[in-house]
C-alpha atoms as a PDB file:
ATOM      1  CA  UNK A   1     -10.232  88.485  50.632  1.00  0.00           C
ATOM      2  CA  UNK A   2      -7.670  85.708  50.437  1.00  0.00           C
ATOM      3  CA  UNK A   3      -7.436  82.164  51.998  1.00  0.00           C
ATOM      4  CA  UNK A   4      -4.900  82.126  54.856  1.00  0.00           C
ATOM      5  CA  UNK A   5      -2.089  79.281  55.014  1.00  0.00           C
ATOM      6  CA  UNK A   6      -3.367  76.216  57.091  1.00  0.00           C
ATOM      7  CA  UNK A   7       0.184  75.356  58.752  1.00  0.00           C
ATOM      8  CA  UNK A   8       0.030  75.441  62.254  1.00  0.00           C
ATOM      9  CA  UNK A   9       3.366  76.832  63.636  1.00  0.00           C
ATOM     10  CA  UNK A  10       5.022  75.020  66.987  1.00  0.00           C
ATOM     11  CA  UNK A  11       3.824  77.777  69.463  1.00  0.00           C
ATOM     12  CA  UNK A  12       0.096  76.683  68.324  1.00  0.00           C
ATOM     13  CA  UNK A  13      -0.480  79.928  66.010  1.00  0.00           C
ATOM     14  CA  UNK A  14      -1.518  79.789  62.552  1.00  0.00           C
ATOM     15  CA  UNK A  15       0.509  81.017  59.701  1.00  0.00           C
ATOM     16  CA  UNK A  16      -1.223  84.220  58.344  1.00  0.00           C
ATOM     17  CA  UNK A  17       0.163  84.098  55.090  1.00  0.00           C
ATOM     18  CA  UNK A  18      -1.673  84.119  52.029  1.00  0.00           C
ATOM     19  CA  UNK A  19      -2.129  80.542  50.496  1.00  0.00           C
ATOM     20  CA  UNK A  20      -1.081  79.821  46.784  1.00  0.00           C
ATOM     21  CA  UNK A  21      -4.168  79.732  44.714  1.00  0.00           C
ATOM     22  CA  UNK A  22      -6.228  76.270  44.979  1.00  0.00           C
ATOM     23  CA  UNK A  23      -3.524  75.137  47.766  1.00  0.00           C
ATOM     24  CA  UNK A  24      -3.842  74.894  51.378  1.00  0.00           C
ATOM     25  CA  UNK A  25      -0.466  76.466  52.294  1.00  0.00           C
ATOM     26  CA  UNK A  26       1.299  79.680  51.503  1.00  0.00           C
ATOM     27  CA  UNK A  27       4.430  79.464  49.466  1.00  0.00           C
ATOM     28  CA  UNK A  28       6.876  78.704  52.098  1.00  0.00           C
ATOM     29  CA  UNK A  29       4.783  75.854  53.880  1.00  0.00           C
ATOM     30  CA  UNK A  30       3.707  74.400  50.658  1.00  0.00           C
ATOM     31  CA  UNK A  31       7.374  73.422  49.571  1.00  0.00           C
ATOM     32  CA  UNK A  32       7.758  72.355  53.496  1.00  0.00           C
ATOM     33  CA  UNK A  33       4.514  69.876  53.299  1.00  0.00           C
ATOM     34  CA  UNK A  34       5.462  68.780  50.015  1.00  0.00           C
ATOM     35  CA  UNK A  35       8.866  67.991  50.550  1.00  0.00           C
ATOM     36  CA  UNK A  36       7.894  65.823  53.823  1.00  0.00           C
ATOM     37  CA  UNK A  37       5.231  63.750  51.963  1.00  0.00           C
ATOM     38  CA  UNK A  38       7.541  63.154  48.711  1.00  0.00           C
ATOM     39  CA  UNK A  39      10.880  62.439  50.601  1.00  0.00           C
ATOM     40  CA  UNK A  40       9.649  59.849  53.612  1.00  0.00           C
ATOM     41  CA  UNK A  41       9.928  56.713  53.107  1.00  0.00           C
ATOM     42  CA  UNK A  42       8.153  53.486  55.063  1.00  0.00           C
ATOM     43  CA  UNK A  43       9.384  53.808  58.574  1.00  0.00           C
ATOM     44  CA  UNK A  44      11.465  56.864  58.374  1.00  0.00           C
ATOM     45  CA  UNK A  45      11.656  59.359  61.026  1.00  0.00           C
ATOM     46  CA  UNK A  46       9.431  62.285  60.608  1.00  0.00           C
ATOM     47  CA  UNK A  47      11.306  65.627  60.819  1.00  0.00           C
ATOM     48  CA  UNK A  48       9.264  68.336  62.286  1.00  0.00           C
ATOM     49  CA  UNK A  49       9.524  72.283  61.070  1.00  0.00           C
ATOM     50  CA  UNK A  50      12.372  73.939  63.044  1.00  0.00           C
ATOM     51  CA  UNK A  51      10.859  77.271  63.027  1.00  0.00           C
ATOM     52  CA  UNK A  52      11.540  78.519  66.709  1.00  0.00           C
ATOM     53  CA  UNK A  53      12.688  76.911  69.843  1.00  0.00           C
ATOM     54  CA  UNK A  54       9.561  75.067  70.275  1.00  0.00           C
ATOM     55  CA  UNK A  55      10.267  73.391  66.956  1.00  0.00           C
ATOM     56  CA  UNK A  56      13.756  72.711  67.534  1.00  0.00           C
ATOM     57  CA  UNK A  57      12.322  71.324  71.120  1.00  0.00           C
ATOM     58  CA  UNK A  58      10.077  68.863  69.378  1.00  0.00           C
ATOM     59  CA  UNK A  59      12.649  67.869  66.989  1.00  0.00           C
ATOM     60  CA  UNK A  60      15.228  67.138  69.855  1.00  0.00           C
ATOM     61  CA  UNK A  61      12.320  65.028  71.585  1.00  0.00           C
ATOM     62  CA  UNK A  62      11.820  63.133  68.473  1.00  0.00           C
ATOM     63  CA  UNK A  63      15.379  62.584  67.732  1.00  0.00           C
ATOM     64  CA  UNK A  64      16.084  61.325  71.656  1.00  0.00           C
ATOM     65  CA  UNK A  65      12.793  58.835  71.312  1.00  0.00           C
ATOM     66  CA  UNK A  66      14.170  57.278  67.829  1.00  0.00           C
ATOM     67  CA  UNK A  67      17.526  56.581  69.492  1.00  0.00           C
ATOM     68  CA  UNK A  68      15.751  53.841  71.467  1.00  0.00           C
ATOM     69  CA  UNK A  69      14.030  52.509  68.337  1.00  0.00           C
ATOM     70  CA  UNK A  70      15.404  50.839  65.201  1.00  0.00           C
ATOM     71  CA  UNK A  71      14.537  54.010  62.962  1.00  0.00           C
ATOM     72  CA  UNK A  72      17.860  55.687  63.637  1.00  0.00           C
ATOM     73  CA  UNK A  73      21.390  54.748  63.542  1.00  0.00           C
ATOM     74  CA  UNK A  74      23.690  56.473  66.437  1.00  0.00           C
ATOM     75  CA  UNK A  75      26.042  58.065  63.942  1.00  0.00           C
ATOM     76  CA  UNK A  76      23.098  59.449  62.090  1.00  0.00           C
ATOM     77  CA  UNK A  77      21.139  60.752  65.139  1.00  0.00           C
ATOM     78  CA  UNK A  78      24.284  62.342  66.656  1.00  0.00           C
ATOM     79  CA  UNK A  79      24.521  64.503  63.334  1.00  0.00           C
ATOM     80  CA  UNK A  80      21.008  65.312  64.051  1.00  0.00           C
ATOM     81  CA  UNK A  81      21.446  66.404  67.685  1.00  0.00           C
ATOM     82  CA  UNK A  82      24.507  68.016  66.618  1.00  0.00           C
ATOM     83  CA  UNK A  83      22.131  69.966  63.925  1.00  0.00           C
ATOM     84  CA  UNK A  84      19.872  70.637  66.206  1.00  0.00           C
ATOM     85  CA  UNK A  85      21.960  72.050  68.587  1.00  0.00           C
ATOM     86  CA  UNK A  86      23.440  74.739  66.254  1.00  0.00           C
ATOM     87  CA  UNK A  87      19.620  75.534  65.451  1.00  0.00           C
ATOM     88  CA  UNK A  88      18.913  76.029  68.956  1.00  0.00           C
ATOM     89  CA  UNK A  89      22.231  78.383  69.218  1.00  0.00           C
ATOM     90  CA  UNK A  90      21.277  80.335  66.226  1.00  0.00           C
ATOM     91  CA  UNK A  91      17.753  80.957  67.325  1.00  0.00           C
ATOM     92  CA  UNK A  92      19.072  82.291  70.626  1.00  0.00           C
ATOM     93  CA  UNK A  93      21.096  84.570  69.017  1.00  0.00           C
ATOM     94  CA  UNK A  94      18.439  85.629  66.517  1.00  0.00           C
ATOM     95  CA  UNK A  95      15.808  86.558  69.425  1.00  0.00           C
ATOM     96  CA  UNK A  96      18.106  88.310  71.444  1.00  0.00           C
END
């Protein structure tokens, strides 16, 4: 018997990998959640996990919303949108 990872994927499903001993997440998602909480500064745009097309869509929505706020400058937003464009193209190729 093992404890499952508590991470919820962008499609609403739960990650079914075994959690690390004494931790709520698996190896992959423990790194993701630790990095998010350790590196984020106050007022910084939270970045969702880009695991599939739904994650890319969520990140795109947050980036476009951030453009209308003082959280992100247009140059940085442009780079973020370009990265999301690349991720979406790659995701389509992998899923075909």
